[in-house]
Amino acid sequence: GRNDPNLPAPVRTVAFTLPVPAEGQASVGTAVFEDGDAAIVRVTRVEPGEATKTEGGGADPERSMLSQLMGRQAYEAVLEDMERRAKIERKSLADTGEG
């Protein structure tokens, strides 16, 4: 589940931001840990839960904020992983003849 302490937080974050997989398919993502290790996250099934409402009738603001934060962290982890794997060559404008 979303708060299962047996799963590392980066794995939970990625698992709950992946798209719902089609029947018989899987959604796959990469979770990156603070120490630089990574894990492949594969979601094959999603069980719908119940959304709770606050007294005002809207979604729980803390839950909404946490969801946004988790999404941002997952996005940043994917970008960091891509940058780590990419071969990036940076040149100054002087080196390109445009400066």
N, C-alpha and C. Protein backbone atom coordinates (compact mmCIF):
# COMPACT_ATOMS: atom_id res chain seq x y z
N GLY A 1 0.80 -1.18 0.00
CA GLY A 1 0.00 0.00 0.00
C GLY A 1 0.85 1.26 0.00
N ARG A 2 0.19 2.36 -0.14
CA ARG A 2 0.86 3.65 -0.24
C ARG A 2 1.75 3.96 0.97
N ASN A 3 1.37 3.47 2.14
CA ASN A 3 2.15 3.75 3.35
C ASN A 3 2.86 2.53 3.91
N ASP A 4 3.05 1.50 3.10
CA ASP A 4 3.68 0.25 3.54
C ASP A 4 5.13 0.49 3.94
N PRO A 5 5.47 0.33 5.23
CA PRO A 5 6.85 0.60 5.66
C PRO A 5 7.84 -0.45 5.16
N ASN A 6 7.35 -1.55 4.59
CA ASN A 6 8.25 -2.58 4.07
C ASN A 6 8.81 -2.22 2.70
N LEU A 7 8.23 -1.21 2.05
CA LEU A 7 8.74 -0.75 0.77
C LEU A 7 9.46 0.58 0.95
N PRO A 8 10.65 0.72 0.37
CA PRO A 8 11.36 2.00 0.48
C PRO A 8 10.53 3.13 -0.13
N ALA A 9 10.63 4.30 0.46
CA ALA A 9 9.86 5.47 0.02
C ALA A 9 10.03 5.77 -1.48
N PRO A 10 11.25 5.73 -2.05
CA PRO A 10 11.36 6.02 -3.48
C PRO A 10 10.58 5.02 -4.36
N VAL A 11 10.53 3.76 -3.93
CA VAL A 11 9.78 2.76 -4.69
C VAL A 11 8.28 3.06 -4.61
N ARG A 12 7.80 3.38 -3.42
CA ARG A 12 6.38 3.72 -3.26
C ARG A 12 6.03 4.94 -4.08
N THR A 13 6.90 5.95 -4.05
CA THR A 13 6.64 7.19 -4.79
C THR A 13 6.48 6.91 -6.27
N VAL A 14 7.40 6.14 -6.84
CA VAL A 14 7.33 5.84 -8.27
C VAL A 14 6.11 4.98 -8.57
N ALA A 15 5.87 3.97 -7.74
CA ALA A 15 4.74 3.06 -7.98
C ALA A 15 3.42 3.80 -8.04
N PHE A 16 3.26 4.81 -7.19
CA PHE A 16 1.99 5.52 -7.15
C PHE A 16 1.92 6.70 -8.11
N THR A 17 2.97 6.92 -8.90
CA THR A 17 2.91 7.96 -9.93
C THR A 17 2.88 7.37 -11.33
N LEU A 18 3.10 6.06 -11.44
CA LEU A 18 3.04 5.40 -12.74
C LEU A 18 1.60 5.35 -13.24
N PRO A 19 1.42 5.33 -14.57
CA PRO A 19 0.06 5.21 -15.10
C PRO A 19 -0.53 3.83 -14.80
N VAL A 20 -1.84 3.76 -14.73
CA VAL A 20 -2.52 2.48 -14.52
C VAL A 20 -2.24 1.60 -15.74
N PRO A 21 -1.73 0.39 -15.53
CA PRO A 21 -1.41 -0.47 -16.68
C PRO A 21 -2.66 -1.04 -17.33
N ALA A 22 -2.60 -1.27 -18.62
CA ALA A 22 -3.69 -1.92 -19.34
C ALA A 22 -3.76 -3.38 -18.91
N GLU A 23 -4.89 -3.99 -19.12
CA GLU A 23 -5.09 -5.39 -18.76
C GLU A 23 -3.99 -6.27 -19.35
N GLY A 24 -3.33 -7.04 -18.51
CA GLY A 24 -2.26 -7.94 -18.96
C GLY A 24 -0.94 -7.26 -19.25
N GLN A 25 -0.85 -5.96 -19.00
CA GLN A 25 0.37 -5.20 -19.26
C GLN A 25 0.97 -4.72 -17.94
N ALA A 26 2.08 -4.00 -18.03
CA ALA A 26 2.72 -3.44 -16.84
C ALA A 26 3.18 -2.02 -17.12
N SER A 27 3.18 -1.20 -16.09
CA SER A 27 3.79 0.13 -16.15
C SER A 27 5.13 0.02 -15.43
N VAL A 28 6.17 0.58 -16.01
CA VAL A 28 7.52 0.42 -15.47
C VAL A 28 8.16 1.78 -15.25
N GLY A 29 8.88 1.92 -14.13
CA GLY A 29 9.58 3.16 -13.82
C GLY A 29 10.85 2.85 -13.06
N THR A 30 11.62 3.88 -12.78
CA THR A 30 12.88 3.73 -12.05
C THR A 30 12.83 4.57 -10.79
N ALA A 31 13.16 3.93 -9.67
CA ALA A 31 13.27 4.63 -8.38
C ALA A 31 14.75 4.81 -8.08
N VAL A 32 15.14 6.02 -7.71
CA VAL A 32 16.53 6.30 -7.39
C VAL A 32 16.62 6.64 -5.90
N PHE A 33 17.54 5.98 -5.21
CA PHE A 33 17.71 6.18 -3.78
C PHE A 33 18.75 7.26 -3.51
N GLU A 34 18.76 7.79 -2.31
CA GLU A 34 19.69 8.87 -1.95
C GLU A 34 21.15 8.48 -2.14
N ASP A 35 21.47 7.19 -1.97
CA ASP A 35 22.86 6.75 -2.12
C ASP A 35 23.26 6.50 -3.57
N GLY A 36 22.33 6.76 -4.51
CA GLY A 36 22.62 6.58 -5.93
C GLY A 36 22.18 5.24 -6.48
N ASP A 37 21.84 4.28 -5.62
CA ASP A 37 21.31 3.01 -6.10
C ASP A 37 19.98 3.25 -6.77
N ALA A 38 19.58 2.33 -7.62
CA ALA A 38 18.31 2.46 -8.32
C ALA A 38 17.57 1.13 -8.30
N ALA A 39 16.25 1.20 -8.47
CA ALA A 39 15.42 0.00 -8.54
C ALA A 39 14.42 0.19 -9.66
N ILE A 40 14.13 -0.90 -10.35
CA ILE A 40 13.09 -0.88 -11.37
C ILE A 40 11.77 -1.19 -10.68
N VAL A 41 10.77 -0.37 -10.93
CA VAL A 41 9.45 -0.55 -10.32
C VAL A 41 8.49 -0.98 -11.42
N ARG A 42 7.81 -2.10 -11.21
CA ARG A 42 6.88 -2.66 -12.20
C ARG A 42 5.52 -2.81 -11.54
N VAL A 43 4.52 -2.12 -12.09
CA VAL A 43 3.16 -2.20 -11.57
C VAL A 43 2.32 -2.98 -12.58
N THR A 44 1.70 -4.08 -12.13
CA THR A 44 0.90 -4.90 -13.03
C THR A 44 -0.59 -4.79 -12.77
N ARG A 45 -0.96 -4.23 -11.61
CA ARG A 45 -2.38 -4.15 -11.27
C ARG A 45 -2.58 -3.01 -10.28
N VAL A 46 -3.70 -2.34 -10.40
CA VAL A 46 -4.05 -1.26 -9.48
C VAL A 46 -5.40 -1.56 -8.87
N GLU A 47 -5.48 -1.48 -7.55
CA GLU A 47 -6.75 -1.67 -6.86
C GLU A 47 -7.27 -0.30 -6.45
N PRO A 48 -8.44 0.07 -6.96
CA PRO A 48 -8.98 1.39 -6.62
C PRO A 48 -9.25 1.51 -5.13
N GLY A 49 -8.97 2.68 -4.60
CA GLY A 49 -9.25 2.97 -3.20
C GLY A 49 -10.37 3.98 -3.10
N GLU A 50 -10.65 4.40 -1.91
CA GLU A 50 -11.69 5.40 -1.70
C GLU A 50 -11.05 6.75 -1.42
N ALA A 51 -11.54 7.77 -2.10
CA ALA A 51 -11.08 9.13 -1.83
C ALA A 51 -11.93 9.66 -0.68
N THR A 52 -11.28 10.24 0.30
CA THR A 52 -12.03 10.80 1.42
C THR A 52 -12.18 12.29 1.23
N LYS A 53 -13.25 12.82 1.74
CA LYS A 53 -13.52 14.25 1.66
C LYS A 53 -13.37 14.86 3.05
N THR A 54 -12.94 16.10 3.08
CA THR A 54 -12.89 16.82 4.35
C THR A 54 -14.25 17.43 4.63
N GLU A 55 -14.40 18.05 5.76
CA GLU A 55 -15.69 18.66 6.13
C GLU A 55 -16.14 19.69 5.10
N GLY A 56 -15.20 20.39 4.49
CA GLY A 56 -15.54 21.40 3.50
C GLY A 56 -15.95 20.82 2.16
N GLY A 57 -15.84 19.50 2.00
CA GLY A 57 -16.24 18.85 0.77
C GLY A 57 -15.11 18.68 -0.23
N GLY A 58 -13.96 19.27 0.02
CA GLY A 58 -12.84 19.14 -0.90
C GLY A 58 -11.90 18.03 -0.48
N ALA A 59 -10.90 17.78 -1.29
CA ALA A 59 -9.89 16.77 -0.95
C ALA A 59 -9.05 17.27 0.22
N ASP A 60 -8.53 16.36 0.98
CA ASP A 60 -7.68 16.67 2.12
C ASP A 60 -6.47 17.48 1.64
N PRO A 61 -6.27 18.72 2.11
CA PRO A 61 -5.18 19.56 1.60
C PRO A 61 -3.80 18.96 1.85
N GLU A 62 -3.62 18.29 2.99
CA GLU A 62 -2.32 17.67 3.26
C GLU A 62 -2.04 16.55 2.26
N ARG A 63 -3.07 15.79 1.95
CA ARG A 63 -2.92 14.70 0.99
C ARG A 63 -2.57 15.25 -0.39
N SER A 64 -3.22 16.33 -0.78
CA SER A 64 -2.96 16.95 -2.07
C SER A 64 -1.53 17.47 -2.14
N MET A 65 -1.09 18.13 -1.08
CA MET A 65 0.27 18.67 -1.04
C MET A 65 1.29 17.54 -1.10
N LEU A 66 1.03 16.46 -0.34
CA LEU A 66 1.95 15.32 -0.34
C LEU A 66 2.02 14.68 -1.72
N SER A 67 0.88 14.57 -2.38
CA SER A 67 0.84 13.99 -3.71
C SER A 67 1.68 14.82 -4.69
N GLN A 68 1.55 16.13 -4.62
CA GLN A 68 2.35 17.00 -5.49
C GLN A 68 3.83 16.86 -5.19
N LEU A 69 4.18 16.80 -3.91
CA LEU A 69 5.58 16.65 -3.51
C LEU A 69 6.15 15.33 -4.01
N MET A 70 5.39 14.26 -3.85
CA MET A 70 5.85 12.94 -4.29
C MET A 70 6.04 12.92 -5.80
N GLY A 71 5.13 13.54 -6.53
CA GLY A 71 5.26 13.61 -7.98
C GLY A 71 6.50 14.37 -8.39
N ARG A 72 6.76 15.49 -7.71
CA ARG A 72 7.94 16.29 -8.01
C ARG A 72 9.22 15.51 -7.71
N GLN A 73 9.24 14.79 -6.60
CA GLN A 73 10.41 13.99 -6.24
C GLN A 73 10.66 12.88 -7.27
N ALA A 74 9.60 12.24 -7.71
CA ALA A 74 9.74 11.18 -8.71
C ALA A 74 10.28 11.76 -10.02
N TYR A 75 9.76 12.92 -10.42
CA TYR A 75 10.22 13.58 -11.63
C TYR A 75 11.70 13.93 -11.53
N GLU A 76 12.10 14.52 -10.40
CA GLU A 76 13.50 14.89 -10.20
C GLU A 76 14.40 13.65 -10.19
N ALA A 77 13.93 12.56 -9.61
CA ALA A 77 14.72 11.33 -9.58
C ALA A 77 14.93 10.78 -10.98
N VAL A 78 13.91 10.84 -11.81
CA VAL A 78 14.04 10.38 -13.20
C VAL A 78 15.02 11.26 -13.96
N LEU A 79 14.92 12.59 -13.78
CA LEU A 79 15.86 13.49 -14.45
C LEU A 79 17.30 13.23 -14.02
N GLU A 80 17.51 13.05 -12.70
CA GLU A 80 18.85 12.77 -12.20
C GLU A 80 19.39 11.48 -12.79
N ASP A 81 18.54 10.45 -12.89
CA ASP A 81 18.96 9.18 -13.46
C ASP A 81 19.32 9.35 -14.93
N MET A 82 18.52 10.11 -15.67
CA MET A 82 18.82 10.34 -17.08
C MET A 82 20.12 11.10 -17.26
N GLU A 83 20.35 12.13 -16.43
CA GLU A 83 21.60 12.89 -16.53
C GLU A 83 22.81 12.03 -16.19
N ARG A 84 22.65 11.14 -15.22
CA ARG A 84 23.75 10.27 -14.81
C ARG A 84 24.11 9.30 -15.94
N ARG A 85 23.12 8.85 -16.70
CA ARG A 85 23.37 7.88 -17.77
C ARG A 85 23.78 8.54 -19.09
N ALA A 86 23.40 9.79 -19.27
CA ALA A 86 23.63 10.46 -20.55
C ALA A 86 25.10 10.84 -20.71
N LYS A 87 25.51 10.93 -21.96
CA LYS A 87 26.83 11.44 -22.27
C LYS A 87 26.63 12.89 -22.68
N ILE A 88 26.95 13.79 -21.76
CA ILE A 88 26.72 15.21 -21.98
C ILE A 88 28.05 15.91 -22.19
N GLU A 89 28.14 16.65 -23.27
CA GLU A 89 29.34 17.43 -23.55
C GLU A 89 28.94 18.88 -23.59
N ARG A 90 29.53 19.68 -22.72
CA ARG A 90 29.20 21.10 -22.65
C ARG A 90 30.36 21.89 -23.23
N LYS A 91 30.02 22.84 -24.09
CA LYS A 91 31.03 23.70 -24.69
C LYS A 91 30.65 25.15 -24.40
N SER A 92 31.65 25.97 -24.23
CA SER A 92 31.37 27.40 -24.06
C SER A 92 31.08 28.01 -25.42
N LEU A 93 30.47 29.18 -25.44
CA LEU A 93 30.20 29.85 -26.72
C LEU A 93 31.49 30.17 -27.45
N ALA A 94 32.58 30.43 -26.71
CA ALA A 94 33.86 30.72 -27.34
C ALA A 94 34.36 29.52 -28.15
N ASP A 95 34.09 28.31 -27.64
CA ASP A 95 34.54 27.10 -28.34
C ASP A 95 33.73 26.84 -29.61
N THR A 96 32.52 27.34 -29.69
CA THR A 96 31.68 27.08 -30.85
C THR A 96 31.82 28.16 -31.92
N GLY A 97 32.52 29.22 -31.63
CA GLY A 97 32.70 30.30 -32.58
C GLY A 97 31.54 31.28 -32.60
N GLU A 98 30.61 31.12 -31.64
CA GLU A 98 29.46 32.02 -31.59
C GLU A 98 29.62 33.11 -30.56
N GLY A 99 30.71 33.15 -29.83
CA GLY A 99 30.82 34.11 -28.75
C GLY A 99 31.74 35.18 -28.99
